[in-house]
Protein backbone atom coordinates (compact mmCIF):
# COMPACT_ATOMS: atom_id res chain seq x y z
CA MET A 1 4.94 -6.17 -23.08
CA ILE A 2 2.55 -5.31 -20.38
CA ARG A 3 -0.85 -7.22 -20.35
CA ARG A 4 -3.33 -4.32 -20.64
CA GLN A 5 -6.53 -6.69 -19.64
CA PRO A 6 -7.51 -7.93 -16.33
CA LYS A 7 -6.52 -11.40 -15.39
CA PHE A 8 -8.66 -13.51 -13.33
CA ARG A 9 -6.98 -16.05 -10.80
CA HIS A 10 -8.76 -17.97 -7.99
CA MET A 11 -7.78 -16.65 -4.48
CA SER A 12 -6.97 -18.03 -1.60
CA PHE A 13 -7.92 -15.96 0.92
CA CYS A 14 -10.96 -13.34 1.69
CA ILE A 15 -10.90 -10.10 3.50
CA ALA A 16 -12.91 -9.45 6.77
CA ILE A 17 -15.78 -7.42 5.26
CA VAL A 18 -19.04 -8.61 7.26
CA ALA A 19 -20.92 -5.06 7.65
CA THR A 20 -23.39 -3.49 5.04
CA ALA A 21 -24.65 -0.07 4.12
CA GLY A 22 -26.64 1.82 6.59
CA SER A 23 -25.93 -0.67 9.38
CA PRO A 24 -24.89 0.03 12.75
CA THR A 25 -21.64 -1.56 12.40
CA LEU A 26 -20.26 0.32 9.65
CA SER A 27 -21.64 3.71 11.30
CA ALA A 28 -19.36 3.45 14.15
CA GLU A 29 -16.59 2.71 12.15
CA ALA A 30 -16.95 5.60 10.19
CA SER A 31 -17.25 7.73 13.20
CA HIS A 32 -14.19 6.21 14.53
CA TRP A 33 -11.94 6.60 11.42
CA PRO A 34 -8.12 7.13 12.43
CA ALA A 35 -6.49 10.35 12.16
CA ILE A 36 -3.22 9.49 10.53
CA GLN A 37 0.46 10.78 9.96
CA PRO A 38 0.87 12.88 7.10
CA LEU A 39 3.17 10.62 4.55
CA HIS A 40 5.17 11.58 1.39
CA GLU A 41 7.12 9.11 -0.77
CA SER A 42 8.06 8.93 -4.17
CA HIS A 43 9.72 6.44 -6.48
CA THR A 44 11.39 6.17 -10.05
CA PHE A 45 10.73 3.80 -12.49
CA LEU A 46 12.62 2.76 -15.34
CA ASP A 47 11.33 1.18 -18.72
CA PRO A 48 8.20 0.16 -16.23
CA GLY A 49 7.03 -2.95 -17.61
CA ARG A 50 9.86 -4.24 -20.21
CA GLY A 51 9.31 -7.75 -20.81
CA ASP A 52 7.58 -9.43 -17.93
CA ALA A 53 9.00 -7.13 -15.36
CA ASP A 54 6.49 -5.69 -12.75
CA THR A 55 6.47 -2.07 -10.79
CA PRO A 56 5.73 -2.85 -7.29
CA PHE A 57 5.46 -0.03 -4.95
CA VAL A 58 4.24 -0.19 -1.20
CA ALA A 59 3.41 2.36 1.50
CA LEU A 60 2.07 2.07 4.79
CA VAL A 61 -0.07 4.95 6.08
CA LYS A 62 -0.08 4.82 10.20
CA SER A 63 -2.26 7.02 12.84
CA LEU A 64 -0.83 9.24 15.40
CA ASP A 65 -0.51 6.40 17.91
CA GLY A 66 1.45 4.53 15.08
CA ALA A 67 -0.42 1.81 14.48
CA LEU A 68 -0.95 0.49 10.48
CA ALA A 69 -4.23 2.31 9.25
CA TYR A 70 -4.18 1.76 5.34
CA ARG A 71 -1.40 0.10 2.88
CA LEU A 72 -1.42 2.06 -0.47
CA GLU A 73 -0.22 -1.45 -3.22
CA CYS A 74 0.79 -0.61 -7.02
CA HIS A 75 1.67 -2.98 -9.32
CA ASN A 76 1.07 -3.16 -13.13
CA GLY A 77 -0.63 -5.74 -15.73
CA ASN A 78 2.80 -8.24 -15.63
CA TYR A 79 1.58 -8.84 -11.70
CA ASP A 80 1.04 -12.40 -10.66
CA GLY A 81 1.23 -12.40 -7.48
CA GLU A 82 -1.89 -13.31 -4.86
CA SER A 83 -4.13 -10.00 -4.06
CA ILE A 84 -7.54 -9.31 -3.88
CA SER A 85 -7.30 -7.05 -6.58
CA THR A 86 -6.42 -7.82 -9.79
CA TYR A 87 -4.21 -5.04 -11.06
CA SER A 88 -3.68 -4.38 -14.81
CA GLY A 89 -2.60 -1.00 -16.88
CA ASP A 90 1.12 0.46 -16.96
CA PHE A 91 0.95 1.00 -12.85
CA GLN A 92 -2.21 0.74 -10.51
CA CYS A 93 -2.50 1.43 -7.47
CA ALA A 94 -4.87 0.21 -4.47
CA LEU A 95 -5.56 1.35 -1.00
CA TYR A 96 -6.89 -0.85 1.66
CA ALA A 97 -7.80 -0.30 5.42
CA LEU A 98 -6.05 -2.28 7.95
CA LYS A 99 -6.03 -3.68 11.40
CA GLY A 100 -3.21 -5.12 12.43
CA ASN A 101 -1.68 -6.28 9.29
CA ALA A 102 -5.17 -7.64 7.83
CA LEU A 103 -6.66 -6.04 5.24
CA ILE A 104 -10.32 -4.90 6.13
CA THR A 105 -11.74 -3.58 2.97
CA GLY A 106 -11.57 -3.61 -0.58
CA ASN A 107 -10.16 -1.20 -2.72
CA LEU A 108 -10.72 2.60 -0.98
CA LEU A 109 -9.74 4.57 -4.30
CA ALA A 110 -12.49 2.94 -6.18
CA ALA A 111 -15.47 5.54 -5.98
CA ASN A 112 -19.05 4.42 -4.92
CA THR A 113 -20.41 4.14 -8.49
CA SER A 114 -21.54 1.47 -9.70
CA ASP A 115 -18.99 1.01 -12.81
CA GLU A 116 -16.07 1.71 -10.51
CA ARG A 117 -17.17 -1.32 -7.96
CA SER A 118 -17.89 -3.34 -10.82
CA THR A 119 -14.70 -4.14 -11.66
CA ASP A 120 -10.64 -3.56 -10.56
CA TRP A 121 -9.64 -1.82 -13.40
CA TRP A 122 -12.37 1.32 -13.82
CA ASN A 123 -11.14 3.63 -11.25
CA ARG A 124 -8.73 6.28 -10.85
CA GLY A 125 -5.87 4.30 -9.09
CA ARG A 126 -4.88 2.58 -12.36
CA MET A 127 -2.58 4.81 -15.00
CA ARG A 128 -2.36 3.67 -18.86
CA SER A 129 0.62 5.69 -20.62
CA SER A 130 -1.65 7.32 -23.17
CA GLN A 131 -3.76 9.30 -19.79
CA LEU A 132 -0.02 11.02 -19.79
CA LEU A 133 0.36 13.07 -22.75
CA GLY A 134 -1.61 14.59 -25.39
CA GLU A 135 -5.57 15.61 -24.91
CA CYS A 136 -5.71 13.59 -21.36
CA LEU A 137 -3.18 16.35 -20.16
CA ALA A 138 -6.08 18.66 -19.84
CA TYR A 139 -7.92 16.56 -17.31
CA PRO A 140 -5.31 15.99 -14.53
CA GLU A 141 -7.37 14.36 -12.07
CA TYR A 142 -7.55 11.44 -14.64
CA SER A 143 -3.91 12.08 -15.56
CA THR A 144 -0.69 13.00 -14.10
CA ASP A 145 -2.16 14.49 -10.27
CA ARG A 146 -5.08 12.06 -9.02
CA ASN A 147 -6.48 13.62 -5.57
CA PHE A 148 -8.73 11.06 -3.57
CA LYS A 149 -10.53 12.53 -0.67
CA LEU A 150 -11.90 9.94 1.59
CA ARG A 151 -12.20 9.21 5.33
CA ASN A 152 -10.60 12.70 6.90
CA MET A 153 -7.64 12.65 4.45
CA ARG A 154 -6.61 13.63 0.89
CA VAL A 155 -3.93 11.04 -1.09
CA THR A 156 -2.78 12.69 -3.71
CA LEU A 157 -1.22 10.27 -6.68
CA ARG A 158 0.84 12.04 -9.29
CA PHE A 159 3.33 11.24 -12.22
CA THR A 160 5.92 13.52 -12.95
CA ASP A 161 9.92 13.28 -14.74
CA ILE A 162 7.78 11.18 -17.67
CA ALA A 163 10.02 10.23 -20.89
CA TRP A 164 9.17 8.47 -23.96
CA GLY A 165 10.83 5.88 -26.28
CA THR A 166 10.78 5.84 -29.74
CA GLN A 167 9.63 2.20 -30.02
CA SER A 168 5.89 2.24 -30.31
CA ASP A 169 3.34 -0.36 -28.07
CA GLU A 170 0.35 -2.67 -29.54
CA ARG A 171 -1.73 0.64 -29.57
CA SER A 172 0.70 3.04 -31.81
CA ALA A 173 1.34 4.80 -28.80
CA PRO A 174 5.11 6.07 -27.55
CA ARG A 175 6.49 3.92 -25.34
CA LEU A 176 6.97 4.84 -21.58
CA ALA A 177 10.42 4.98 -21.23
CA ARG A 178 10.75 6.37 -17.61
CA PHE A 179 8.30 8.21 -14.75
CA THR A 180 8.28 8.98 -11.21
CA PHE A 181 5.49 8.19 -9.05
CA ASP A 182 4.75 10.34 -5.79
CA ILE A 183 2.06 9.72 -3.06
CA SER A 184 1.39 12.15 -0.53
CA VAL A 185 -0.68 11.35 2.08
CA VAL A 186 -2.67 14.58 4.03
CA PRO A 187 -5.04 15.33 6.67
CA ASP A 188 -8.44 16.37 5.40
CA LYS A 189 -11.67 17.11 7.43
CA ALA A 190 -13.50 17.90 4.43
CA ALA A 191 -13.03 14.31 3.24
CA LYS A 192 -16.25 12.84 4.98
CA GLY A 193 -16.95 9.31 2.56
CA SER A 194 -15.85 5.92 2.97
CA ARG A 195 -14.33 5.40 -0.44
CA ALA A 196 -12.87 8.26 -2.81
CA ALA A 197 -15.28 11.26 -3.82
CA LEU A 198 -15.95 11.03 -7.42
CA ALA A 199 -13.11 13.91 -9.20
CA VAL A 200 -14.14 17.34 -9.24
CA GLY A 201 -14.01 19.00 -13.05
CA PRO A 202 -15.56 17.90 -16.34
CA PRO A 203 -15.50 14.32 -17.22
CA PRO A 204 -12.49 13.29 -19.80
CA PRO A 205 -13.07 11.70 -22.96
CA ARG A 206 -13.13 7.50 -23.22
CA SER A 207 -9.63 7.83 -24.48
CA CYS A 208 -8.55 8.77 -21.63
CA TYR A 209 -10.41 7.07 -19.20
CA PRO A 210 -10.82 4.07 -18.07
């Protein structure tokens, strides 16, 4: 069974973030975000999170000159590897900027709000199975289709081909038996923020987010 709450562990490494908001260094970096190559990948997960199984997924976004620009990494609450993020829920993705193979930011899918920056699990990169059915479907940006606009690009996380088992989990919700995860990244000159912009539309009830 997937552990729904974040796990806390010591990290043996750190990311190289030295600029602060409003600093000349950050302003210079903001004007030189790399133009990226479009990306589209998908993967189907069967019986996700069974036992202590993880749902690993990694996609690399490249700049127009072929250099690595961003790393999208996804797991579920069973993941117990070394990471700068603590993954939780049924499936959670984080986006990091790269310099070479090194991560140079934290999770860029977290918007620049006190809530989303306060903890790894409070952002739309995390999916819980209960967000994919019922009233939550009326709020697609927090459910099946999640768009993140940042750094001159639009990142879309989409959940399709969803199937439910008859067994209920500990929250009396249907068991998530299958889903297909689809990731697309395309250039978007209107996306100006250094971190993901807030979703457009009415906020969902707390049962659907976070």
